[in-house]
């Protein structure tokens, strides 16, 4: 079962359901009764929004429970409830809120369900087929192309990036809902709540745009960092390489902090002495100490490269 596929299916359905509410009111000719009642646009639109959202939340809970039962009894992998909750919060909820809000604001502006559905499906298709994997996954409404892998060891490894990437859709969806309150063609029973809705809508959209800007800047910084790592690799591409004869790791994970002690045996199989030893390490890890035979070794750290400086050059066939 794929949460990403389920998110696509329900996202397309929600466009039809959200636009149907306004059409049903007009078709049954109940809009005049509703519009003449003494309650605010905020209550009317938020009631519609919460109605549609609660329907799909219940469907998500039902599907999640059925999938968890299948997983529990028919799968060899252990059931992880946090994984289900993370996928729902990161994938499903932002998509639902955004598409409901989009259908609402298009419904009050265009007032034609067929056009609203056509535009909703067109935007969804562009995101899913054409734009989803572009611009650092910013146009990926459904999260279908977004890297998303849950680990029982560390959880979501890119949780901060996912928050900055998916939260704008939640904010824009709520911005569309409050924008619908402002644009609804109905006598405004409470002018101050209508004005407040307009302010909230503007703030939510600005916050979403700010997060999109932060996400793009962060990814550009990551791209620059990768280019620097590539340049460093090319710089030392001609350096002599030692042969690794063995490597043992002792891994500890106290309090969510990864601590590793490694013992590596290297040998110089070259035909000439080696004055330095070149090692590579994930640049996200820090080196606290390097030693050989209990004697600390001097080393230089350049990104993902560690250049060791033994006290004496390693003769051909010698090890360290």
C-alpha atoms as a PDB file:
ATOM      1  CA  UNK A   1       0.000   0.000   0.000  1.00  0.00           C
ATOM      2  CA  UNK A   2       1.352   3.408  -0.945  1.00  0.00           C
ATOM      3  CA  UNK A   3       0.328   6.527   0.933  1.00  0.00           C
ATOM      4  CA  UNK A   4       1.521   8.567  -2.029  1.00  0.00           C
ATOM      5  CA  UNK A   5      -0.893   6.861  -4.447  1.00  0.00           C
ATOM      6  CA  UNK A   6      -3.730   7.134  -1.938  1.00  0.00           C
ATOM      7  CA  UNK A   7      -2.969  10.831  -1.555  1.00  0.00           C
ATOM      8  CA  UNK A   8      -3.236  11.311  -5.333  1.00  0.00           C
ATOM      9  CA  UNK A   9      -6.576   9.472  -5.521  1.00  0.00           C
ATOM     10  CA  UNK A  10      -8.181  11.348  -2.640  1.00  0.00           C
ATOM     11  CA  UNK A  11      -6.745  14.661  -3.866  1.00  0.00           C
ATOM     12  CA  UNK A  12      -8.548  14.283  -7.177  1.00  0.00           C
ATOM     13  CA  UNK A  13     -11.770  13.241  -5.421  1.00  0.00           C
ATOM     14  CA  UNK A  14     -11.666  16.177  -3.013  1.00  0.00           C
ATOM     15  CA  UNK A  15     -11.817  18.662  -5.913  1.00  0.00           C
ATOM     16  CA  UNK A  16     -15.165  17.180  -6.974  1.00  0.00           C
ATOM     17  CA  UNK A  17     -16.513  16.993  -3.421  1.00  0.00           C
ATOM     18  CA  UNK A  18     -15.484  20.514  -2.395  1.00  0.00           C
ATOM     19  CA  UNK A  19     -16.999  22.116  -5.488  1.00  0.00           C
ATOM     20  CA  UNK A  20     -20.183  20.060  -5.145  1.00  0.00           C
ATOM     21  CA  UNK A  21     -21.292  21.761  -1.921  1.00  0.00           C
ATOM     22  CA  UNK A  22     -21.833  25.184  -3.503  1.00  0.00           C
ATOM     23  CA  UNK A  23     -23.514  23.705  -6.564  1.00  0.00           C
ATOM     24  CA  UNK A  24     -25.858  21.645  -4.380  1.00  0.00           C
ATOM     25  CA  UNK A  25     -26.940  24.765  -2.484  1.00  0.00           C
ATOM     26  CA  UNK A  26     -27.719  26.545  -5.756  1.00  0.00           C
ATOM     27  CA  UNK A  27     -29.415  23.507  -7.316  1.00  0.00           C
ATOM     28  CA  UNK A  28     -31.750  22.954  -4.353  1.00  0.00           C
ATOM     29  CA  UNK A  29     -32.371  26.728  -4.270  1.00  0.00           C
ATOM     30  CA  UNK A  30     -31.391  26.833  -0.606  1.00  0.00           C
ATOM     31  CA  UNK A  31     -28.816  29.578  -1.026  1.00  0.00           C
ATOM     32  CA  UNK A  32     -31.352  32.368  -0.520  1.00  0.00           C
ATOM     33  CA  UNK A  33     -32.450  30.842   2.775  1.00  0.00           C
ATOM     34  CA  UNK A  34     -28.849  30.346   3.874  1.00  0.00           C
ATOM     35  CA  UNK A  35     -27.703  33.775   2.754  1.00  0.00           C
ATOM     36  CA  UNK A  36     -30.557  35.520   4.519  1.00  0.00           C
ATOM     37  CA  UNK A  37     -29.835  33.878   7.862  1.00  0.00           C
ATOM     38  CA  UNK A  38     -28.102  36.011  10.452  1.00  0.00           C
ATOM     39  CA  UNK A  39     -24.696  34.376  10.665  1.00  0.00           C
ATOM     40  CA  UNK A  40     -21.363  35.490   9.360  1.00  0.00           C
ATOM     41  CA  UNK A  41     -19.601  34.491   6.161  1.00  0.00           C
ATOM     42  CA  UNK A  42     -16.863  33.096   8.366  1.00  0.00           C
ATOM     43  CA  UNK A  43     -19.258  30.655  10.025  1.00  0.00           C
ATOM     44  CA  UNK A  44     -20.759  29.652   6.680  1.00  0.00           C
ATOM     45  CA  UNK A  45     -17.466  29.039   4.840  1.00  0.00           C
ATOM     46  CA  UNK A  46     -15.642  27.483   7.786  1.00  0.00           C
ATOM     47  CA  UNK A  47     -18.612  25.174   8.335  1.00  0.00           C
ATOM     48  CA  UNK A  48     -18.395  24.032   4.713  1.00  0.00           C
ATOM     49  CA  UNK A  49     -14.627  23.630   4.986  1.00  0.00           C
ATOM     50  CA  UNK A  50     -14.723  21.625   8.218  1.00  0.00           C
ATOM     51  CA  UNK A  51     -17.503  19.452   6.810  1.00  0.00           C
ATOM     52  CA  UNK A  52     -15.482  18.443   3.753  1.00  0.00           C
ATOM     53  CA  UNK A  53     -12.252  18.092   5.742  1.00  0.00           C
ATOM     54  CA  UNK A  54     -13.835  15.922   8.454  1.00  0.00           C
ATOM     55  CA  UNK A  55     -15.286  13.609   5.795  1.00  0.00           C
ATOM     56  CA  UNK A  56     -11.859  12.966   4.314  1.00  0.00           C
ATOM     57  CA  UNK A  57     -10.203  12.755   7.720  1.00  0.00           C
ATOM     58  CA  UNK A  58     -12.599   9.959   8.613  1.00  0.00           C
ATOM     59  CA  UNK A  59     -11.777   8.236   5.338  1.00  0.00           C
ATOM     60  CA  UNK A  60      -8.055   8.561   6.098  1.00  0.00           C
ATOM     61  CA  UNK A  61      -8.548   7.074   9.561  1.00  0.00           C
ATOM     62  CA  UNK A  62     -10.570   4.176   8.128  1.00  0.00           C
ATOM     63  CA  UNK A  63      -8.039   3.445   5.390  1.00  0.00           C
ATOM     64  CA  UNK A  64      -5.176   3.759   7.881  1.00  0.00           C
ATOM     65  CA  UNK A  65      -6.792   1.301  10.315  1.00  0.00           C
ATOM     66  CA  UNK A  66      -7.513  -1.241   7.547  1.00  0.00           C
ATOM     67  CA  UNK A  67      -3.961  -0.912   6.198  1.00  0.00           C
ATOM     68  CA  UNK A  68      -2.477  -1.251   9.683  1.00  0.00           C
ATOM     69  CA  UNK A  69      -4.467  -4.451  10.306  1.00  0.00           C
ATOM     70  CA  UNK A  70      -3.297  -5.916   6.997  1.00  0.00           C
ATOM     71  CA  UNK A  71       0.249  -4.861   7.850  1.00  0.00           C
ATOM     72  CA  UNK A  72      -0.006  -6.377  11.332  1.00  0.00           C
ATOM     73  CA  UNK A  73      -1.320  -9.801  10.326  1.00  0.00           C
ATOM     74  CA  UNK A  74      -0.063 -10.348   6.777  1.00  0.00           C
ATOM     75  CA  UNK A  75       3.319  -8.603   6.648  1.00  0.00           C
ATOM     76  CA  UNK A  76       6.678  -9.766   7.986  1.00  0.00           C
ATOM     77  CA  UNK A  77       7.808  -6.190   8.723  1.00  0.00           C
ATOM     78  CA  UNK A  78       6.916  -4.717  12.145  1.00  0.00           C
ATOM     79  CA  UNK A  79       4.051  -2.247  12.380  1.00  0.00           C
ATOM     80  CA  UNK A  80       5.163   1.338  13.066  1.00  0.00           C
ATOM     81  CA  UNK A  81       2.335   3.653  14.150  1.00  0.00           C
ATOM     82  CA  UNK A  82       4.595   6.782  14.077  1.00  0.00           C
ATOM     83  CA  UNK A  83       5.291   6.086  10.392  1.00  0.00           C
ATOM     84  CA  UNK A  84       1.548   6.145   9.610  1.00  0.00           C
ATOM     85  CA  UNK A  85       1.089   9.391  11.547  1.00  0.00           C
ATOM     86  CA  UNK A  86       4.097  11.028   9.881  1.00  0.00           C
ATOM     87  CA  UNK A  87       2.918  10.130   6.386  1.00  0.00           C
ATOM     88  CA  UNK A  88      -0.563  11.472   7.143  1.00  0.00           C
ATOM     89  CA  UNK A  89       0.708  14.764   8.559  1.00  0.00           C
ATOM     90  CA  UNK A  90       3.348  15.302   5.865  1.00  0.00           C
ATOM     91  CA  UNK A  91       1.481  14.022   2.797  1.00  0.00           C
ATOM     92  CA  UNK A  92      -2.274  13.846   3.211  1.00  0.00           C
ATOM     93  CA  UNK A  93      -3.213  16.780   5.438  1.00  0.00           C
ATOM     94  CA  UNK A  94      -1.449  19.576   3.460  1.00  0.00           C
ATOM     95  CA  UNK A  95      -2.831  18.202   0.175  1.00  0.00           C
ATOM     96  CA  UNK A  96      -6.383  18.001   1.525  1.00  0.00           C
ATOM     97  CA  UNK A  97      -6.390  21.507   2.999  1.00  0.00           C
ATOM     98  CA  UNK A  98      -4.817  23.056  -0.104  1.00  0.00           C
ATOM     99  CA  UNK A  99      -7.162  21.427  -2.650  1.00  0.00           C
ATOM    100  CA  UNK A 100     -10.265  22.107  -0.547  1.00  0.00           C
ATOM    101  CA  UNK A 101      -9.273  25.759  -0.190  1.00  0.00           C
ATOM    102  CA  UNK A 102      -8.449  26.015  -3.906  1.00  0.00           C
ATOM    103  CA  UNK A 103     -11.815  24.521  -4.900  1.00  0.00           C
ATOM    104  CA  UNK A 104     -13.625  26.873  -2.502  1.00  0.00           C
ATOM    105  CA  UNK A 105     -12.053  30.094  -3.743  1.00  0.00           C
ATOM    106  CA  UNK A 106     -12.441  29.057  -7.393  1.00  0.00           C
ATOM    107  CA  UNK A 107     -16.065  28.167  -6.668  1.00  0.00           C
ATOM    108  CA  UNK A 108     -16.976  31.642  -5.377  1.00  0.00           C
ATOM    109  CA  UNK A 109     -14.968  33.442  -8.069  1.00  0.00           C
ATOM    110  CA  UNK A 110     -15.943  31.397 -11.148  1.00  0.00           C
ATOM    111  CA  UNK A 111     -19.308  30.017  -9.932  1.00  0.00           C
ATOM    112  CA  UNK A 112     -19.238  27.193 -12.454  1.00  0.00           C
ATOM    113  CA  UNK A 113     -18.578  23.708 -11.097  1.00  0.00           C
ATOM    114  CA  UNK A 114     -17.427  22.238 -14.420  1.00  0.00           C
ATOM    115  CA  UNK A 115     -14.774  24.950 -14.831  1.00  0.00           C
ATOM    116  CA  UNK A 116     -13.704  24.621 -11.185  1.00  0.00           C
ATOM    117  CA  UNK A 117     -13.263  20.854 -11.574  1.00  0.00           C
ATOM    118  CA  UNK A 118     -11.421  21.316 -14.858  1.00  0.00           C
ATOM    119  CA  UNK A 119      -9.016  23.832 -13.321  1.00  0.00           C
ATOM    120  CA  UNK A 120      -8.518  21.695 -10.218  1.00  0.00           C
ATOM    121  CA  UNK A 121      -7.740  18.587 -12.258  1.00  0.00           C
ATOM    122  CA  UNK A 122      -5.470  20.599 -14.572  1.00  0.00           C
ATOM    123  CA  UNK A 123      -3.445  22.006 -11.651  1.00  0.00           C
ATOM    124  CA  UNK A 124      -3.227  18.547 -10.084  1.00  0.00           C
ATOM    125  CA  UNK A 125      -2.130  16.944 -13.357  1.00  0.00           C
ATOM    126  CA  UNK A 126       0.540  19.582 -13.969  1.00  0.00           C
ATOM    127  CA  UNK A 127       1.886  19.029 -10.493  1.00  0.00           C
ATOM    128  CA  UNK A 128       1.798  15.253 -10.761  1.00  0.00           C
ATOM    129  CA  UNK A 129       3.116  14.764 -14.298  1.00  0.00           C
ATOM    130  CA  UNK A 130       5.098  17.844 -15.308  1.00  0.00           C
ATOM    131  CA  UNK A 131       6.187  20.104 -12.448  1.00  0.00           C
ATOM    132  CA  UNK A 132       6.324  17.839  -9.393  1.00  0.00           C
ATOM    133  CA  UNK A 133      10.024  17.048  -9.593  1.00  0.00           C
ATOM    134  CA  UNK A 134      11.083  20.564 -10.609  1.00  0.00           C
ATOM    135  CA  UNK A 135      12.242  23.530  -8.511  1.00  0.00           C
ATOM    136  CA  UNK A 136      13.281  21.440  -5.493  1.00  0.00           C
ATOM    137  CA  UNK A 137       9.829  19.743  -5.383  1.00  0.00           C
ATOM    138  CA  UNK A 138       8.057  23.025  -4.534  1.00  0.00           C
ATOM    139  CA  UNK A 139       5.215  22.431  -7.108  1.00  0.00           C
ATOM    140  CA  UNK A 140       4.646  18.872  -5.800  1.00  0.00           C
ATOM    141  CA  UNK A 141       1.138  19.306  -4.370  1.00  0.00           C
ATOM    142  CA  UNK A 142       0.681  15.608  -3.584  1.00  0.00           C
ATOM    143  CA  UNK A 143       4.206  14.954  -2.311  1.00  0.00           C
ATOM    144  CA  UNK A 144       4.402  12.203  -4.922  1.00  0.00           C
ATOM    145  CA  UNK A 145       7.936  13.057  -6.067  1.00  0.00           C
ATOM    146  CA  UNK A 146       9.182  14.330  -2.710  1.00  0.00           C
ATOM    147  CA  UNK A 147      11.850  12.127  -1.058  1.00  0.00           C
ATOM    148  CA  UNK A 148      10.097  10.647   1.957  1.00  0.00           C
ATOM    149  CA  UNK A 149      11.435   7.628   3.824  1.00  0.00           C
ATOM    150  CA  UNK A 150      10.701   6.787   7.455  1.00  0.00           C
ATOM    151  CA  UNK A 151      13.242   4.942   9.584  1.00  0.00           C
ATOM    152  CA  UNK A 152      12.601   3.323  12.969  1.00  0.00           C
ATOM    153  CA  UNK A 153      16.153   4.372  13.847  1.00  0.00           C
ATOM    154  CA  UNK A 154      16.048   8.114  13.144  1.00  0.00           C
ATOM    155  CA  UNK A 155      12.455   8.722  11.997  1.00  0.00           C
ATOM    156  CA  UNK A 156      12.203  11.131   9.079  1.00  0.00           C
ATOM    157  CA  UNK A 157      15.782  11.950   8.185  1.00  0.00           C
ATOM    158  CA  UNK A 158      14.783  15.157   6.383  1.00  0.00           C
ATOM    159  CA  UNK A 159      12.026  16.303   8.751  1.00  0.00           C
ATOM    160  CA  UNK A 160      13.109  19.963   8.731  1.00  0.00           C
ATOM    161  CA  UNK A 161      13.200  20.110   4.930  1.00  0.00           C
ATOM    162  CA  UNK A 162       9.807  18.381   4.703  1.00  0.00           C
ATOM    163  CA  UNK A 163       8.291  20.884   7.137  1.00  0.00           C
ATOM    164  CA  UNK A 164       9.477  23.833   5.046  1.00  0.00           C
ATOM    165  CA  UNK A 165       8.352  22.069   1.854  1.00  0.00           C
ATOM    166  CA  UNK A 166       4.871  20.850   2.859  1.00  0.00           C
ATOM    167  CA  UNK A 167       3.737  23.519   5.355  1.00  0.00           C
ATOM    168  CA  UNK A 168       3.209  26.164   2.616  1.00  0.00           C
ATOM    169  CA  UNK A 169       0.430  24.043   1.089  1.00  0.00           C
ATOM    170  CA  UNK A 170      -1.341  23.909   4.442  1.00  0.00           C
ATOM    171  CA  UNK A 171      -0.974  27.681   4.843  1.00  0.00           C
ATOM    172  CA  UNK A 172      -2.097  28.427   1.270  1.00  0.00           C
ATOM    173  CA  UNK A 173      -5.122  26.156   1.697  1.00  0.00           C
ATOM    174  CA  UNK A 174      -6.172  28.012   4.840  1.00  0.00           C
ATOM    175  CA  UNK A 175      -5.431  31.298   3.056  1.00  0.00           C
ATOM    176  CA  UNK A 176      -7.811  30.270   0.258  1.00  0.00           C
ATOM    177  CA  UNK A 177     -10.505  29.401   2.816  1.00  0.00           C
ATOM    178  CA  UNK A 178     -10.276  32.792   4.510  1.00  0.00           C
ATOM    179  CA  UNK A 179     -10.073  34.421   1.087  1.00  0.00           C
ATOM    180  CA  UNK A 180     -13.353  32.682   0.233  1.00  0.00           C
ATOM    181  CA  UNK A 181     -14.903  34.323   3.300  1.00  0.00           C
ATOM    182  CA  UNK A 182     -13.837  37.714   1.931  1.00  0.00           C
ATOM    183  CA  UNK A 183     -15.035  37.046  -1.641  1.00  0.00           C
ATOM    184  CA  UNK A 184     -18.307  35.242  -0.898  1.00  0.00           C
ATOM    185  CA  UNK A 185     -21.239  37.043  -2.532  1.00  0.00           C
ATOM    186  CA  UNK A 186     -23.381  37.384   0.592  1.00  0.00           C
ATOM    187  CA  UNK A 187     -24.409  40.153   2.963  1.00  0.00           C
ATOM    188  CA  UNK A 188     -21.704  40.451   5.553  1.00  0.00           C
ATOM    189  CA  UNK A 189     -23.288  40.073   8.975  1.00  0.00           C
ATOM    190  CA  UNK A 190     -20.036  40.792  10.797  1.00  0.00           C
ATOM    191  CA  UNK A 191     -17.770  43.273   8.985  1.00  0.00           C
ATOM    192  CA  UNK A 192     -14.932  42.894  11.494  1.00  0.00           C
ATOM    193  CA  UNK A 193     -14.736  39.100  11.077  1.00  0.00           C
ATOM    194  CA  UNK A 194     -14.750  39.583   7.299  1.00  0.00           C
ATOM    195  CA  UNK A 195     -11.914  42.093   7.560  1.00  0.00           C
ATOM    196  CA  UNK A 196     -10.060  39.759   9.923  1.00  0.00           C
ATOM    197  CA  UNK A 197     -10.474  36.932   7.398  1.00  0.00           C
ATOM    198  CA  UNK A 198      -8.914  39.087   4.692  1.00  0.00           C
ATOM    199  CA  UNK A 199      -5.955  39.933   6.938  1.00  0.00           C
ATOM    200  CA  UNK A 200      -5.506  36.271   7.896  1.00  0.00           C
ATOM    201  CA  UNK A 201      -5.653  35.230   4.254  1.00  0.00           C
ATOM    202  CA  UNK A 202      -2.943  37.721   3.303  1.00  0.00           C
ATOM    203  CA  UNK A 203      -0.741  36.704   6.249  1.00  0.00           C
ATOM    204  CA  UNK A 204      -1.100  33.001   5.467  1.00  0.00           C
ATOM    205  CA  UNK A 205      -0.165  33.506   1.821  1.00  0.00           C
ATOM    206  CA  UNK A 206       2.801  35.690   2.755  1.00  0.00           C
ATOM    207  CA  UNK A 207       3.963  33.093   5.285  1.00  0.00           C
ATOM    208  CA  UNK A 208       3.682  30.371   2.646  1.00  0.00           C
ATOM    209  CA  UNK A 209       5.689  32.423   0.160  1.00  0.00           C
ATOM    210  CA  UNK A 210       8.295  33.106   2.837  1.00  0.00           C
ATOM    211  CA  UNK A 211       8.698  29.384   3.514  1.00  0.00           C
ATOM    212  CA  UNK A 212       8.976  28.686  -0.225  1.00  0.00           C
ATOM    213  CA  UNK A 213      11.736  31.311  -0.447  1.00  0.00           C
ATOM    214  CA  UNK A 214      13.546  29.774   2.554  1.00  0.00           C
ATOM    215  CA  UNK A 215      13.255  26.311   0.994  1.00  0.00           C
ATOM    216  CA  UNK A 216      14.684  27.460  -2.339  1.00  0.00           C
ATOM    217  CA  UNK A 217      17.551  29.319  -0.657  1.00  0.00           C
ATOM    218  CA  UNK A 218      18.378  26.303   1.527  1.00  0.00           C
ATOM    219  CA  UNK A 219      18.451  23.997  -1.488  1.00  0.00           C
ATOM    220  CA  UNK A 220      20.643  26.407  -3.412  1.00  0.00           C
ATOM    221  CA  UNK A 221      23.022  26.354  -0.473  1.00  0.00           C
ATOM    222  CA  UNK A 222      23.008  22.539  -0.564  1.00  0.00           C
ATOM    223  CA  UNK A 223      23.736  22.601  -4.304  1.00  0.00           C
ATOM    224  CA  UNK A 224      26.662  24.958  -3.696  1.00  0.00           C
ATOM    225  CA  UNK A 225      27.939  22.675  -0.932  1.00  0.00           C
ATOM    226  CA  UNK A 226      27.784  19.673  -3.275  1.00  0.00           C
ATOM    227  CA  UNK A 227      29.745  21.572  -5.890  1.00  0.00           C
ATOM    228  CA  UNK A 228      32.389  22.355  -3.271  1.00  0.00           C
ATOM    229  CA  UNK A 229      32.596  18.663  -2.331  1.00  0.00           C
ATOM    230  CA  UNK A 230      32.981  17.724  -5.996  1.00  0.00           C
ATOM    231  CA  UNK A 231      35.765  20.282  -6.416  1.00  0.00           C
ATOM    232  CA  UNK A 232      37.571  18.887  -3.363  1.00  0.00           C
ATOM    233  CA  UNK A 233      37.257  15.340  -4.749  1.00  0.00           C
ATOM    234  CA  UNK A 234      38.760  16.449  -8.052  1.00  0.00           C
ATOM    235  CA  UNK A 235      41.546  18.251  -6.204  1.00  0.00           C
ATOM    236  CA  UNK A 236      42.703  15.020  -4.564  1.00  0.00           C
ATOM    237  CA  UNK A 237      41.759  12.676  -7.421  1.00  0.00           C
ATOM    238  CA  UNK A 238      45.441  11.971  -8.179  1.00  0.00           C
ATOM    239  CA  UNK A 239      46.449  11.337  -4.555  1.00  0.00           C
ATOM    240  CA  UNK A 240      47.712   7.787  -3.801  1.00  0.00           C
ATOM    241  CA  UNK A 241      45.060   5.559  -2.265  1.00  0.00           C
ATOM    242  CA  UNK A 242      45.638   2.995   0.474  1.00  0.00           C
ATOM    243  CA  UNK A 243      44.067  -0.471   0.409  1.00  0.00           C
ATOM    244  CA  UNK A 244      41.625  -1.123   3.238  1.00  0.00           C
ATOM    245  CA  UNK A 245      42.230  -4.575   4.729  1.00  0.00           C
ATOM    246  CA  UNK A 246      39.613  -4.429   7.481  1.00  0.00           C
ATOM    247  CA  UNK A 247      37.158  -2.052   9.123  1.00  0.00           C
ATOM    248  CA  UNK A 248      35.149  -2.509  12.323  1.00  0.00           C
ATOM    249  CA  UNK A 249      32.514  -0.148  13.745  1.00  0.00           C
ATOM    250  CA  UNK A 250      31.120   0.233  17.250  1.00  0.00           C
ATOM    251  CA  UNK A 251      27.883   2.188  17.046  1.00  0.00           C
ATOM    252  CA  UNK A 252      26.072   3.828  19.951  1.00  0.00           C
ATOM    253  CA  UNK A 253      22.903   5.935  19.807  1.00  0.00           C
ATOM    254  CA  UNK A 254      22.453   7.562  23.231  1.00  0.00           C
ATOM    255  CA  UNK A 255      19.775  10.235  23.418  1.00  0.00           C
ATOM    256  CA  UNK A 256      19.343  10.366  19.652  1.00  0.00           C
ATOM    257  CA  UNK A 257      23.020  11.245  19.043  1.00  0.00           C
ATOM    258  CA  UNK A 258      24.978   8.894  16.800  1.00  0.00           C
ATOM    259  CA  UNK A 259      28.400   7.974  18.211  1.00  0.00           C
ATOM    260  CA  UNK A 260      30.746   5.663  16.292  1.00  0.00           C
ATOM    261  CA  UNK A 261      34.182   4.265  17.031  1.00  0.00           C
ATOM    262  CA  UNK A 262      35.971   2.793  14.016  1.00  0.00           C
ATOM    263  CA  UNK A 263      39.093   0.657  13.706  1.00  0.00           C
ATOM    264  CA  UNK A 264      40.568   0.605  10.168  1.00  0.00           C
ATOM    265  CA  UNK A 265      43.598  -1.286   8.891  1.00  0.00           C
ATOM    266  CA  UNK A 266      45.202   0.201   5.773  1.00  0.00           C
ATOM    267  CA  UNK A 267      48.168  -0.962   3.696  1.00  0.00           C
ATOM    268  CA  UNK A 268      50.319   0.823   1.151  1.00  0.00           C
ATOM    269  CA  UNK A 269      50.347  -1.449  -1.907  1.00  0.00           C
ATOM    270  CA  UNK A 270      51.924   1.210  -4.087  1.00  0.00           C
ATOM    271  CA  UNK A 271      55.462   1.113  -5.374  1.00  0.00           C
ATOM    272  CA  UNK A 272      56.440   4.316  -3.604  1.00  0.00           C
ATOM    273  CA  UNK A 273      56.211   5.685  -0.063  1.00  0.00           C
ATOM    274  CA  UNK A 274      53.011   7.476   0.939  1.00  0.00           C
ATOM    275  CA  UNK A 275      53.403  10.649   2.983  1.00  0.00           C
ATOM    276  CA  UNK A 276      49.686  11.032   3.714  1.00  0.00           C
ATOM    277  CA  UNK A 277      46.554   8.899   3.956  1.00  0.00           C
ATOM    278  CA  UNK A 278      43.305  10.018   2.324  1.00  0.00           C
ATOM    279  CA  UNK A 279      39.962   8.938   3.825  1.00  0.00           C
ATOM    280  CA  UNK A 280      36.377   9.944   3.035  1.00  0.00           C
ATOM    281  CA  UNK A 281      33.577  10.502   5.538  1.00  0.00           C
ATOM    282  CA  UNK A 282      30.037  11.825   5.428  1.00  0.00           C
ATOM    283  CA  UNK A 283      30.413  15.612   5.899  1.00  0.00           C
ATOM    284  CA  UNK A 284      27.518  15.564   8.358  1.00  0.00           C
ATOM    285  CA  UNK A 285      29.653  13.592  10.845  1.00  0.00           C
ATOM    286  CA  UNK A 286      32.259  15.163  13.090  1.00  0.00           C
ATOM    287  CA  UNK A 287      35.651  13.639  13.854  1.00  0.00           C
ATOM    288  CA  UNK A 288      36.708  13.888  17.502  1.00  0.00           C
ATOM    289  CA  UNK A 289      40.031  11.999  17.409  1.00  0.00           C
ATOM    290  CA  UNK A 290      42.293   9.983  15.091  1.00  0.00           C
ATOM    291  CA  UNK A 291      45.046   7.753  16.459  1.00  0.00           C
ATOM    292  CA  UNK A 292      47.352   4.919  15.401  1.00  0.00           C
ATOM    293  CA  UNK A 293      48.715   2.474  17.967  1.00  0.00           C
ATOM    294  CA  UNK A 294      47.452   4.784  20.732  1.00  0.00           C
ATOM    295  CA  UNK A 295      49.369   7.766  19.313  1.00  0.00           C
ATOM    296  CA  UNK A 296      47.208  10.707  18.133  1.00  0.00           C
ATOM    297  CA  UNK A 297      47.620  11.563  14.462  1.00  0.00           C
ATOM    298  CA  UNK A 298      47.441  14.988  12.917  1.00  0.00           C
ATOM    299  CA  UNK A 299      44.750  15.324  10.283  1.00  0.00           C
ATOM    300  CA  UNK A 300      43.162  17.904   8.003  1.00  0.00           C
ATOM    301  CA  UNK A 301      39.406  17.933   7.395  1.00  0.00           C
ATOM    302  CA  UNK A 302      38.182  19.335   4.064  1.00  0.00           C
ATOM    303  CA  UNK A 303      34.475  18.690   3.629  1.00  0.00           C
ATOM    304  CA  UNK A 304      34.083  14.949   3.193  1.00  0.00           C
ATOM    305  CA  UNK A 305      37.844  14.314   3.009  1.00  0.00           C
ATOM    306  CA  UNK A 306      40.185  13.506   5.900  1.00  0.00           C
ATOM    307  CA  UNK A 307      43.919  13.792   5.165  1.00  0.00           C
ATOM    308  CA  UNK A 308      46.013  11.969   7.770  1.00  0.00           C
ATOM    309  CA  UNK A 309      49.645  12.902   8.342  1.00  0.00           C
ATOM    310  CA  UNK A 310      51.553   9.905   9.810  1.00  0.00           C
ATOM    311  CA  UNK A 311      54.802  10.694  11.687  1.00  0.00           C
ATOM    312  CA  UNK A 312      56.764   8.794   9.019  1.00  0.00           C
ATOM    313  CA  UNK A 313      55.980   8.024   5.396  1.00  0.00           C
ATOM    314  CA  UNK A 314      54.460   4.601   4.779  1.00  0.00           C
ATOM    315  CA  UNK A 315      56.907   2.463   2.857  1.00  0.00           C
ATOM    316  CA  UNK A 316      55.598   0.145   0.130  1.00  0.00           C
ATOM    317  CA  UNK A 317      53.902  -2.804   1.824  1.00  0.00           C
ATOM    318  CA  UNK A 318      53.715  -1.026   5.201  1.00  0.00           C
ATOM    319  CA  UNK A 319      50.416  -0.762   7.103  1.00  0.00           C
ATOM    320  CA  UNK A 320      48.792   1.598   9.546  1.00  0.00           C
END
